[in-house]
N, C-alpha and C. Protein backbone atom coordinates (compact mmCIF):
# COMPACT_ATOMS: atom_id res chain seq x y z
N MET A 1 -21.86 -8.72 2.94
CA MET A 1 -22.86 -9.57 3.48
C MET A 1 -22.69 -10.85 3.51
N ILE A 2 -22.50 -11.31 2.17
CA ILE A 2 -22.46 -12.78 1.96
C ILE A 2 -21.12 -13.30 2.38
N ARG A 3 -19.94 -12.48 2.35
CA ARG A 3 -18.56 -12.94 2.75
C ARG A 3 -18.71 -13.12 4.27
N THR A 4 -19.38 -12.10 5.00
CA THR A 4 -19.50 -12.24 6.40
C THR A 4 -20.28 -13.50 6.84
N THR A 5 -21.45 -13.89 6.19
CA THR A 5 -22.05 -15.06 6.45
C THR A 5 -21.23 -16.29 6.13
N LEU A 6 -20.61 -16.23 5.16
CA LEU A 6 -19.84 -17.48 4.87
C LEU A 6 -18.75 -17.62 5.76
N PHE A 7 -18.08 -16.60 6.25
CA PHE A 7 -17.01 -16.52 7.19
C PHE A 7 -17.69 -17.27 8.46
N ALA A 8 -18.84 -16.62 8.85
CA ALA A 8 -19.47 -17.10 10.06
C ALA A 8 -19.84 -18.61 10.12
N THR A 9 -20.23 -18.94 8.92
CA THR A 9 -20.65 -20.46 8.81
C THR A 9 -19.26 -21.39 8.88
N ILE A 10 -18.25 -20.86 8.21
CA ILE A 10 -16.95 -21.72 8.31
C ILE A 10 -16.59 -21.74 9.74
N LEU A 11 -16.69 -20.78 10.47
CA LEU A 11 -16.19 -20.67 11.90
C LEU A 11 -17.03 -21.48 12.69
N LEU A 12 -18.25 -21.45 12.43
CA LEU A 12 -19.19 -22.36 13.12
C LEU A 12 -18.82 -23.76 12.79
N ALA A 13 -18.74 -24.00 11.71
CA ALA A 13 -18.40 -25.53 11.39
C ALA A 13 -17.20 -26.09 11.94
N LEU A 14 -16.19 -25.11 12.09
CA LEU A 14 -15.09 -25.44 12.66
C LEU A 14 -15.08 -25.65 14.18
N PHE A 15 -15.80 -24.77 14.92
CA PHE A 15 -15.88 -24.76 16.16
C PHE A 15 -17.04 -25.49 16.90
N ALA A 16 -18.01 -25.87 16.09
CA ALA A 16 -19.11 -26.50 16.60
C ALA A 16 -19.06 -28.03 16.55
N ARG A 17 -18.08 -28.56 15.98
CA ARG A 17 -17.84 -30.09 15.97
C ARG A 17 -16.95 -30.61 17.00
N PRO A 18 -17.30 -30.81 18.16
CA PRO A 18 -16.42 -31.39 19.11
C PRO A 18 -16.14 -32.71 18.88
N LEU A 19 -16.61 -33.41 17.96
CA LEU A 19 -16.34 -34.84 17.76
C LEU A 19 -14.77 -35.00 17.24
N HIS A 20 -14.44 -33.87 16.50
CA HIS A 20 -13.01 -33.85 16.09
C HIS A 20 -12.01 -33.32 17.13
N ALA A 21 -11.14 -34.00 17.51
CA ALA A 21 -10.29 -33.79 18.29
C ALA A 21 -9.06 -32.87 17.85
N GLU A 22 -9.11 -32.54 16.51
CA GLU A 22 -8.16 -31.64 15.89
C GLU A 22 -8.10 -30.15 16.50
N GLU A 23 -6.93 -29.78 16.70
CA GLU A 23 -6.79 -28.36 17.16
C GLU A 23 -7.02 -27.40 15.92
N VAL A 24 -7.61 -26.36 16.21
CA VAL A 24 -7.82 -25.42 15.00
C VAL A 24 -6.82 -24.36 15.24
N LYS A 25 -5.99 -24.29 14.14
CA LYS A 25 -4.92 -23.30 14.16
C LYS A 25 -5.19 -22.31 12.88
N LEU A 26 -5.16 -20.95 13.23
CA LEU A 26 -5.37 -20.01 12.15
C LEU A 26 -4.26 -19.21 12.06
N GLY A 27 -4.15 -18.50 10.80
CA GLY A 27 -3.20 -17.54 10.50
C GLY A 27 -3.56 -16.76 9.36
N TYR A 28 -2.84 -15.62 9.16
CA TYR A 28 -3.31 -14.64 8.15
C TYR A 28 -2.19 -14.11 7.53
N VAL A 29 -2.15 -13.66 6.21
CA VAL A 29 -1.15 -13.06 5.54
C VAL A 29 -1.74 -11.79 4.85
N ASP A 30 -1.07 -10.84 4.73
CA ASP A 30 -1.60 -9.63 3.89
C ASP A 30 -0.77 -9.89 2.54
N LEU A 31 -1.69 -10.33 1.69
CA LEU A 31 -1.21 -10.93 0.34
C LEU A 31 -0.89 -9.48 -0.41
N ARG A 32 -1.52 -8.51 -0.28
CA ARG A 32 -1.37 -7.42 -1.05
C ARG A 32 0.10 -6.75 -0.65
N ARG A 33 0.24 -6.64 0.65
CA ARG A 33 1.59 -6.17 1.21
C ARG A 33 2.68 -7.09 0.61
N ALA A 34 2.40 -8.46 0.97
CA ALA A 34 3.52 -9.37 0.46
C ALA A 34 3.96 -9.06 -1.13
N LEU A 35 2.87 -8.92 -1.92
CA LEU A 35 2.98 -8.75 -3.37
C LEU A 35 3.87 -7.51 -3.53
N TYR A 36 3.71 -6.42 -2.87
CA TYR A 36 4.34 -5.07 -3.13
C TYR A 36 5.54 -5.07 -2.49
N GLU A 37 5.95 -5.87 -1.48
CA GLU A 37 7.10 -5.65 -0.72
C GLU A 37 8.17 -6.82 -1.12
N THR A 38 7.73 -7.75 -1.99
CA THR A 38 8.74 -8.65 -2.42
C THR A 38 9.81 -7.90 -3.68
N GLU A 39 10.84 -8.26 -3.88
CA GLU A 39 11.85 -7.70 -4.78
C GLU A 39 11.05 -7.93 -6.17
N GLU A 40 10.51 -8.80 -6.51
CA GLU A 40 9.78 -9.03 -7.86
C GLU A 40 8.71 -8.19 -7.86
N GLY A 41 7.82 -8.16 -6.86
CA GLY A 41 6.69 -7.24 -6.80
C GLY A 41 7.02 -5.78 -7.05
N ARG A 42 8.20 -5.36 -6.26
CA ARG A 42 8.67 -3.86 -6.50
C ARG A 42 9.02 -3.57 -8.01
N LYS A 43 9.76 -4.68 -8.52
CA LYS A 43 10.23 -4.44 -9.91
C LYS A 43 8.96 -4.27 -10.75
N ALA A 44 8.02 -5.30 -10.57
CA ALA A 44 6.79 -5.30 -11.29
C ALA A 44 5.92 -3.96 -11.39
N ARG A 45 5.93 -3.57 -10.06
CA ARG A 45 5.07 -2.24 -9.78
C ARG A 45 5.89 -1.12 -10.49
N SER A 46 7.21 -1.01 -10.38
CA SER A 46 8.03 0.04 -11.09
C SER A 46 7.81 0.11 -12.57
N THR A 47 7.81 -1.05 -13.13
CA THR A 47 7.59 -1.15 -14.47
C THR A 47 6.09 -0.73 -14.96
N LEU A 48 5.09 -1.07 -14.13
CA LEU A 48 3.86 -0.70 -14.45
C LEU A 48 3.73 0.70 -14.23
N LYS A 49 4.27 1.32 -13.17
CA LYS A 49 4.16 2.79 -12.98
C LYS A 49 4.76 3.59 -14.09
N LYS A 50 5.99 3.16 -14.64
CA LYS A 50 6.46 3.71 -15.89
C LYS A 50 5.50 3.90 -17.04
N ASP A 51 4.87 2.65 -17.28
CA ASP A 51 3.97 2.37 -18.30
C ASP A 51 2.59 3.41 -17.97
N PHE A 52 2.15 3.48 -16.71
CA PHE A 52 1.19 4.32 -16.32
C PHE A 52 1.42 5.78 -16.59
N ASP A 53 2.68 6.23 -16.26
CA ASP A 53 3.14 7.52 -16.46
C ASP A 53 3.24 8.04 -17.84
N ARG A 54 3.57 7.08 -18.72
CA ARG A 54 3.65 7.31 -20.21
C ARG A 54 2.34 7.66 -20.64
N LYS A 55 1.30 6.70 -20.20
CA LYS A 55 0.02 6.61 -20.79
C LYS A 55 -0.77 7.93 -20.27
N GLN A 56 -0.44 8.34 -18.93
CA GLN A 56 -1.06 9.49 -18.21
C GLN A 56 -0.53 10.73 -19.03
N LYS A 57 0.77 10.83 -19.43
CA LYS A 57 1.28 11.96 -20.13
C LYS A 57 0.50 12.03 -21.46
N GLU A 58 0.46 11.00 -22.22
CA GLU A 58 -0.33 11.05 -23.48
C GLU A 58 -1.74 11.56 -23.32
N LEU A 59 -2.54 11.12 -22.31
CA LEU A 59 -3.77 11.49 -21.96
C LEU A 59 -3.77 12.99 -21.63
N ASP A 60 -2.95 13.59 -20.77
CA ASP A 60 -2.90 14.88 -20.24
C ASP A 60 -2.72 15.62 -21.54
N GLU A 61 -1.77 15.34 -22.41
CA GLU A 61 -1.64 16.12 -23.70
C GLU A 61 -2.82 16.13 -24.44
N GLN A 62 -3.52 15.10 -24.65
CA GLN A 62 -4.82 15.21 -25.48
C GLN A 62 -5.74 16.12 -24.73
N GLN A 63 -5.86 16.05 -23.51
CA GLN A 63 -6.91 16.84 -22.65
C GLN A 63 -6.53 18.35 -22.75
N GLU A 64 -5.24 18.73 -22.69
CA GLU A 64 -4.81 20.04 -22.94
C GLU A 64 -5.04 20.64 -24.30
N GLU A 65 -4.78 19.76 -25.33
CA GLU A 65 -5.20 20.24 -26.68
C GLU A 65 -6.56 20.41 -26.87
N LEU A 66 -7.50 19.56 -26.26
CA LEU A 66 -8.93 19.83 -26.27
C LEU A 66 -9.34 21.02 -25.32
N LYS A 67 -8.71 21.03 -24.25
CA LYS A 67 -8.98 22.40 -23.48
C LYS A 67 -8.77 23.68 -24.36
N LYS A 68 -7.59 23.70 -24.94
CA LYS A 68 -7.34 24.92 -25.70
C LYS A 68 -8.24 25.09 -26.88
N ALA A 69 -8.70 24.10 -27.44
CA ALA A 69 -9.54 24.19 -28.63
C ALA A 69 -11.06 24.76 -28.12
N ILE A 70 -11.26 24.23 -26.97
CA ILE A 70 -12.60 24.74 -26.32
C ILE A 70 -12.50 26.17 -26.08
N GLU A 71 -11.35 26.51 -25.44
CA GLU A 71 -11.08 28.03 -25.18
C GLU A 71 -11.13 28.82 -26.37
N ASP A 72 -10.62 28.41 -27.31
CA ASP A 72 -10.37 29.07 -28.68
C ASP A 72 -11.81 29.37 -29.34
N LEU A 73 -12.69 28.31 -29.19
CA LEU A 73 -14.07 28.40 -29.73
C LEU A 73 -14.83 29.34 -28.81
N ASN A 74 -14.59 29.35 -27.66
CA ASN A 74 -15.42 30.40 -26.62
C ASN A 74 -14.99 31.72 -27.10
N LYS A 75 -13.80 31.89 -27.32
CA LYS A 75 -13.35 33.35 -27.67
C LYS A 75 -13.83 33.78 -28.96
N LYS A 76 -14.02 32.71 -30.00
CA LYS A 76 -14.35 33.23 -31.42
C LYS A 76 -15.83 33.08 -31.62
N ARG A 77 -16.60 32.60 -30.62
CA ARG A 77 -17.99 32.24 -30.69
C ARG A 77 -18.79 33.42 -31.24
N THR A 78 -18.68 34.52 -30.70
CA THR A 78 -19.42 35.63 -31.30
C THR A 78 -19.02 36.19 -32.59
N LEU A 79 -17.93 35.72 -33.07
CA LEU A 79 -17.45 36.26 -34.41
C LEU A 79 -17.85 35.28 -35.54
N LEU A 80 -17.94 34.12 -35.00
CA LEU A 80 -18.20 33.00 -36.12
C LEU A 80 -19.82 32.84 -36.33
N PRO A 81 -20.25 32.33 -37.59
CA PRO A 81 -21.65 32.10 -37.86
C PRO A 81 -22.09 30.83 -37.08
N SER A 82 -23.40 30.94 -36.68
CA SER A 82 -23.88 30.03 -35.78
C SER A 82 -23.72 28.68 -36.19
N GLU A 83 -23.74 28.52 -37.64
CA GLU A 83 -23.74 27.16 -38.20
C GLU A 83 -22.28 26.59 -37.90
N THR A 84 -21.18 27.39 -38.15
CA THR A 84 -19.77 27.01 -37.87
C THR A 84 -19.75 26.73 -36.43
N VAL A 85 -20.18 27.47 -35.54
CA VAL A 85 -20.09 27.36 -34.16
C VAL A 85 -20.64 25.86 -33.84
N ARG A 86 -21.82 25.47 -34.25
CA ARG A 86 -22.45 24.21 -34.15
C ARG A 86 -21.46 23.01 -34.69
N GLN A 87 -20.92 23.33 -35.80
CA GLN A 87 -20.06 22.25 -36.33
C GLN A 87 -18.91 22.13 -35.59
N LYS A 88 -18.14 23.05 -35.12
CA LYS A 88 -16.96 23.15 -34.09
C LYS A 88 -17.40 22.41 -32.76
N GLU A 89 -18.50 22.74 -32.25
CA GLU A 89 -19.03 22.06 -30.99
C GLU A 89 -19.17 20.55 -31.29
N ALA A 90 -19.63 20.12 -32.46
CA ALA A 90 -19.86 18.73 -32.63
C ALA A 90 -18.51 18.05 -32.87
N GLU A 91 -17.51 18.71 -33.35
CA GLU A 91 -16.02 18.21 -33.60
C GLU A 91 -15.49 18.00 -32.20
N LEU A 92 -15.82 19.28 -31.34
CA LEU A 92 -15.04 19.20 -30.02
C LEU A 92 -15.71 17.87 -29.15
N GLN A 93 -17.03 17.65 -29.42
CA GLN A 93 -17.83 16.63 -28.72
C GLN A 93 -17.18 15.25 -29.13
N GLU A 94 -16.90 15.02 -30.34
CA GLU A 94 -16.29 13.93 -30.94
C GLU A 94 -14.95 13.70 -30.32
N ARG A 95 -14.08 14.85 -30.21
CA ARG A 95 -12.85 14.65 -29.70
C ARG A 95 -12.93 14.36 -28.21
N VAL A 96 -13.89 14.85 -27.48
CA VAL A 96 -14.02 14.40 -25.99
C VAL A 96 -14.30 12.95 -25.90
N GLY A 97 -15.22 12.51 -26.97
CA GLY A 97 -15.47 10.98 -26.73
C GLY A 97 -14.21 10.09 -27.24
N LYS A 98 -13.29 10.73 -27.98
CA LYS A 98 -12.12 9.93 -28.34
C LYS A 98 -11.21 10.01 -27.19
N VAL A 99 -11.16 11.05 -26.51
CA VAL A 99 -10.32 11.17 -25.25
C VAL A 99 -10.75 10.15 -24.32
N GLN A 100 -12.12 10.13 -23.99
CA GLN A 100 -12.68 9.11 -23.02
C GLN A 100 -12.28 7.72 -23.44
N GLN A 101 -12.44 7.33 -24.78
CA GLN A 101 -12.21 6.15 -25.29
C GLN A 101 -10.70 5.75 -25.06
N THR A 102 -9.80 6.55 -25.32
CA THR A 102 -8.51 6.56 -25.01
C THR A 102 -8.26 6.21 -23.53
N TYR A 103 -8.92 6.84 -22.64
CA TYR A 103 -8.76 6.69 -21.11
C TYR A 103 -9.29 5.23 -20.83
N MET A 104 -10.43 4.85 -21.42
CA MET A 104 -10.67 3.57 -21.08
C MET A 104 -9.95 2.50 -21.50
N ARG A 105 -9.46 2.68 -22.89
CA ARG A 105 -8.46 1.66 -23.30
C ARG A 105 -7.17 1.57 -22.50
N HIS A 106 -6.60 2.64 -22.12
CA HIS A 106 -5.47 2.78 -21.25
C HIS A 106 -5.80 1.90 -19.90
N GLN A 107 -6.88 2.25 -19.33
CA GLN A 107 -7.27 1.39 -17.84
C GLN A 107 -7.36 0.02 -18.18
N GLN A 108 -7.89 -0.29 -19.46
CA GLN A 108 -8.01 -1.85 -19.58
C GLN A 108 -6.55 -2.44 -19.88
N ASP A 109 -5.93 -1.71 -20.59
CA ASP A 109 -4.55 -2.07 -20.94
C ASP A 109 -3.72 -2.18 -19.59
N LEU A 110 -3.70 -1.27 -18.86
CA LEU A 110 -2.91 -1.33 -17.67
C LEU A 110 -3.37 -2.32 -16.69
N ALA A 111 -4.77 -2.74 -16.60
CA ALA A 111 -5.23 -3.62 -15.71
C ALA A 111 -4.76 -5.12 -16.30
N ALA A 112 -4.86 -5.37 -17.46
CA ALA A 112 -4.38 -6.60 -18.19
C ALA A 112 -2.82 -6.75 -17.88
N LYS A 113 -1.98 -5.54 -17.96
CA LYS A 113 -0.57 -5.84 -17.77
C LYS A 113 -0.33 -5.92 -16.30
N GLU A 114 -1.11 -5.40 -15.34
CA GLU A 114 -0.80 -5.53 -14.01
C GLU A 114 -1.12 -7.15 -13.66
N GLU A 115 -2.21 -7.79 -14.13
CA GLU A 115 -2.58 -8.93 -14.04
C GLU A 115 -1.31 -9.91 -14.45
N GLU A 116 -1.07 -9.63 -15.77
CA GLU A 116 0.11 -10.44 -16.27
C GLU A 116 1.40 -10.31 -15.51
N ALA A 117 1.63 -9.14 -14.89
CA ALA A 117 2.91 -9.11 -14.23
C ALA A 117 2.70 -9.75 -12.77
N THR A 118 1.60 -9.67 -12.17
CA THR A 118 1.52 -9.93 -10.83
C THR A 118 1.15 -11.50 -10.54
N GLN A 119 0.36 -12.11 -11.61
CA GLN A 119 -0.06 -13.45 -11.53
C GLN A 119 1.10 -14.40 -11.02
N PRO A 120 2.28 -14.60 -11.87
CA PRO A 120 3.14 -15.58 -11.34
C PRO A 120 3.72 -15.10 -9.93
N ILE A 121 3.71 -14.08 -9.63
CA ILE A 121 4.18 -13.62 -8.25
C ILE A 121 3.22 -14.12 -7.21
N VAL A 122 2.00 -13.94 -7.38
CA VAL A 122 0.98 -14.18 -6.41
C VAL A 122 0.97 -15.86 -6.40
N GLU A 123 0.92 -16.41 -7.66
CA GLU A 123 0.97 -17.97 -7.48
C GLU A 123 2.12 -18.50 -6.44
N ARG A 124 3.26 -17.77 -6.85
CA ARG A 124 4.44 -18.34 -6.09
C ARG A 124 4.15 -18.03 -4.61
N LEU A 125 3.58 -16.73 -4.15
CA LEU A 125 3.43 -16.45 -2.71
C LEU A 125 2.32 -17.59 -2.22
N GLN A 126 1.58 -17.88 -3.08
CA GLN A 126 0.30 -18.93 -2.56
C GLN A 126 1.10 -20.27 -2.28
N ARG A 127 2.09 -20.64 -3.10
CA ARG A 127 2.84 -21.89 -2.78
C ARG A 127 3.51 -21.86 -1.44
N ILE A 128 4.23 -20.69 -1.16
CA ILE A 128 4.96 -20.52 0.05
C ILE A 128 4.09 -20.46 1.05
N ILE A 129 2.78 -19.84 1.00
CA ILE A 129 1.73 -19.81 2.18
C ILE A 129 1.24 -21.22 2.52
N ALA A 130 1.04 -22.04 1.34
CA ALA A 130 0.74 -23.41 1.57
C ALA A 130 1.87 -24.24 2.34
N LYS A 131 3.10 -23.99 1.86
CA LYS A 131 4.16 -24.72 2.56
C LYS A 131 4.29 -24.26 4.01
N ILE A 132 4.12 -23.08 4.36
CA ILE A 132 4.19 -22.58 5.78
C ILE A 132 3.02 -23.14 6.52
N ALA A 133 1.71 -23.01 5.88
CA ALA A 133 0.58 -23.75 6.70
C ALA A 133 0.73 -25.06 6.84
N ALA A 134 1.33 -25.84 5.94
CA ALA A 134 1.50 -27.20 6.12
C ALA A 134 2.61 -27.58 7.15
N ASN A 135 3.60 -26.59 7.21
CA ASN A 135 4.68 -26.95 8.18
C ASN A 135 4.18 -26.60 9.69
N GLU A 136 3.36 -25.42 9.70
CA GLU A 136 2.90 -25.14 10.89
C GLU A 136 1.59 -25.76 11.37
N ASN A 137 1.01 -26.61 10.49
CA ASN A 137 -0.14 -27.28 10.80
C ASN A 137 -1.43 -26.32 10.99
N LEU A 138 -1.42 -25.40 10.21
CA LEU A 138 -2.57 -24.42 10.22
C LEU A 138 -3.68 -25.02 9.55
N THR A 139 -4.90 -24.66 10.19
CA THR A 139 -6.11 -25.21 9.56
C THR A 139 -6.62 -24.21 8.42
N MET A 140 -6.55 -22.98 8.68
CA MET A 140 -6.99 -22.04 7.78
C MET A 140 -6.08 -20.71 7.74
N VAL A 141 -5.76 -20.24 6.56
CA VAL A 141 -4.94 -19.06 6.52
C VAL A 141 -5.93 -17.93 5.70
N PHE A 142 -6.07 -16.78 6.23
CA PHE A 142 -6.81 -15.74 5.76
C PHE A 142 -6.02 -14.70 5.06
N ASP A 143 -6.73 -13.94 4.03
CA ASP A 143 -5.97 -12.87 3.43
C ASP A 143 -6.38 -11.60 4.18
N LYS A 144 -5.55 -11.05 4.80
CA LYS A 144 -5.86 -9.86 5.55
C LYS A 144 -6.55 -8.65 4.65
N SER A 145 -5.89 -8.60 3.55
CA SER A 145 -6.39 -7.42 2.58
C SER A 145 -7.78 -7.88 1.85
N ALA A 146 -8.22 -9.14 2.28
CA ALA A 146 -9.62 -9.35 1.66
C ALA A 146 -10.59 -9.30 2.73
N GLY A 147 -10.31 -8.88 3.78
CA GLY A 147 -11.56 -8.61 4.77
C GLY A 147 -11.33 -9.17 6.24
N VAL A 148 -9.98 -9.34 6.69
CA VAL A 148 -9.94 -9.83 8.06
C VAL A 148 -9.93 -8.37 8.86
N VAL A 149 -10.74 -8.08 9.62
CA VAL A 149 -10.95 -6.81 10.42
C VAL A 149 -9.88 -6.75 11.46
N TYR A 150 -9.77 -7.90 12.19
CA TYR A 150 -8.82 -7.96 13.19
C TYR A 150 -8.26 -9.25 13.66
N ALA A 151 -7.17 -9.44 13.92
CA ALA A 151 -6.42 -10.69 14.16
C ALA A 151 -5.24 -10.25 15.15
N LYS A 152 -4.96 -11.10 16.03
CA LYS A 152 -3.58 -10.93 16.76
C LYS A 152 -2.56 -10.82 16.06
N PRO A 153 -1.52 -10.11 16.36
CA PRO A 153 -0.39 -9.93 15.40
C PRO A 153 0.54 -11.04 15.33
N HIS A 154 0.54 -12.04 16.41
CA HIS A 154 1.26 -13.19 16.29
C HIS A 154 0.79 -14.18 15.23
N LEU A 155 -0.43 -14.12 14.79
CA LEU A 155 -0.81 -14.92 13.70
C LEU A 155 -0.61 -14.52 12.34
N ASP A 156 0.07 -13.27 12.04
CA ASP A 156 0.49 -12.84 10.89
C ASP A 156 1.74 -13.32 10.53
N PHE A 157 1.90 -13.93 9.42
CA PHE A 157 3.23 -14.46 8.90
C PHE A 157 3.64 -13.84 7.59
N THR A 158 3.04 -12.74 7.41
CA THR A 158 3.55 -12.06 6.01
C THR A 158 4.90 -11.72 5.91
N ASN A 159 5.64 -11.12 6.90
CA ASN A 159 7.00 -11.07 6.81
C ASN A 159 7.76 -12.34 6.60
N GLU A 160 7.40 -13.54 6.99
CA GLU A 160 8.00 -14.79 6.78
C GLU A 160 7.92 -15.08 5.24
N VAL A 161 6.51 -14.72 4.69
CA VAL A 161 6.29 -15.05 3.23
C VAL A 161 7.16 -14.18 2.56
N ILE A 162 7.26 -13.01 2.78
CA ILE A 162 8.16 -11.93 2.00
C ILE A 162 9.60 -12.53 2.17
N ARG A 163 10.17 -12.87 3.26
CA ARG A 163 11.42 -13.28 3.49
C ARG A 163 11.75 -14.53 2.61
N ARG A 164 10.77 -15.50 2.65
CA ARG A 164 11.09 -16.83 1.79
C ARG A 164 11.00 -16.47 0.37
N PHE A 165 10.17 -15.68 -0.08
CA PHE A 165 10.05 -15.31 -1.47
C PHE A 165 11.31 -14.70 -2.03
N ASN A 166 11.89 -13.70 -1.16
CA ASN A 166 13.09 -13.01 -1.56
C ASN A 166 14.24 -13.92 -1.62
N ALA A 167 14.18 -14.84 -0.78
CA ALA A 167 15.30 -15.92 -0.60
C ALA A 167 15.20 -16.86 -1.83
N GLY A 168 14.21 -16.90 -2.76
CA GLY A 168 14.18 -17.65 -3.81
C GLY A 168 13.40 -18.94 -3.55
N GLU A 169 12.43 -19.10 -2.51
CA GLU A 169 11.66 -20.39 -2.13
C GLU A 169 10.67 -20.39 -3.29
N GLU A 170 10.29 -21.56 -3.72
CA GLU A 170 9.25 -21.94 -4.59
C GLU A 170 9.36 -21.29 -5.87
N LYS A 171 10.61 -21.12 -6.34
CA LYS A 171 10.65 -20.62 -7.74
C LYS A 171 10.29 -21.75 -8.56
N SER A 172 9.76 -21.39 -9.78
CA SER A 172 9.09 -22.35 -10.69
C SER A 172 10.35 -23.35 -11.20
N ALA A 173 10.12 -24.55 -11.40
CA ALA A 173 10.87 -25.75 -11.59
C ALA A 173 11.33 -25.44 -13.03
N GLY A 174 10.76 -24.37 -13.89
CA GLY A 174 10.95 -24.30 -15.29
C GLY A 174 12.46 -23.85 -15.61
N ALA A 175 13.06 -23.21 -14.57
CA ALA A 175 14.52 -22.68 -14.74
C ALA A 175 15.39 -23.79 -14.92
N ALA A 176 15.95 -23.80 -16.17
CA ALA A 176 17.02 -24.75 -16.52
C ALA A 176 18.42 -24.44 -16.10
N PRO A 177 19.00 -25.49 -15.59
CA PRO A 177 20.42 -25.31 -15.06
C PRO A 177 21.26 -24.77 -16.17
N ALA A 178 22.37 -24.03 -15.69
CA ALA A 178 23.17 -23.35 -16.94
C ALA A 178 24.03 -24.63 -17.57
N LYS A 179 24.19 -24.49 -18.97
CA LYS A 179 24.97 -25.59 -19.59
C LYS A 179 26.27 -25.45 -19.36
N LYS A 180 26.89 -26.70 -19.36
CA LYS A 180 28.48 -26.62 -19.21
C LYS A 180 29.15 -26.11 -20.49
N PRO A 181 30.33 -25.43 -20.49
CA PRO A 181 30.96 -24.93 -21.58
C PRO A 181 31.35 -26.18 -22.42
N ALA A 182 31.44 -26.00 -23.68
CA ALA A 182 31.78 -26.95 -24.76
C ALA A 182 33.18 -27.48 -24.43
N ALA A 183 34.05 -26.88 -23.79
CA ALA A 183 35.39 -27.11 -23.55
C ALA A 183 35.47 -28.58 -22.72
N ASP A 184 34.29 -28.83 -21.89
CA ASP A 184 34.34 -29.82 -21.02
C ASP A 184 33.87 -31.17 -21.81
N ALA A 185 33.51 -31.08 -23.16
CA ALA A 185 33.11 -32.14 -23.90
C ALA A 185 34.27 -32.93 -24.32
N PRO A 186 34.10 -34.42 -24.56
CA PRO A 186 35.37 -35.03 -24.90
C PRO A 186 35.89 -34.68 -26.28
N LYS A 187 37.07 -34.58 -26.40
CA LYS A 187 37.70 -34.16 -27.73
C LYS A 187 37.94 -35.36 -28.57
N LYS A 188 37.52 -35.11 -30.06
CA LYS A 188 37.64 -36.14 -30.93
C LYS A 188 39.03 -36.20 -31.43
N LYS A 189 39.58 -37.39 -31.75
CA LYS A 189 40.92 -37.38 -32.19
C LYS A 189 41.05 -37.59 -33.64
């Protein structure tokens, strides 16, 4: 509701001011699609998937052990004294809590790793988007995955963003050029 109101207010502000002769040009990008279709995004996703699968396997093993323990208790319930049954039920309840804690910890860990892996990619995508917007003299660029319900396809420049990203545009300036081999250094006599 707030997002819709904000969007409507922005559009009103853009179109209700005839004093400015500036042409309003809009565009949009599917940032989520761009993130997952770039080469670096695919690599990050693959790495995250491997980590997720490993953690899921660990969680599945814990759940299977717990399930077997519950089945075992249910089979022996009538043969065991009631005090022993209550004690084993309490132990099983504690194990259920530990499995739930493990699940929550894995979820938080995966979310943090996803943020860490995708943040540099998203920042670079945003720099490319800003460059395209400046070159095309766009007034505003919307993120389709954040709520654009409909826009004409010719306003979508997601493919261009992905192409430029994969071509190496806007790579961080932190990459140092390769050093020349020591053989090029002047020789001492």
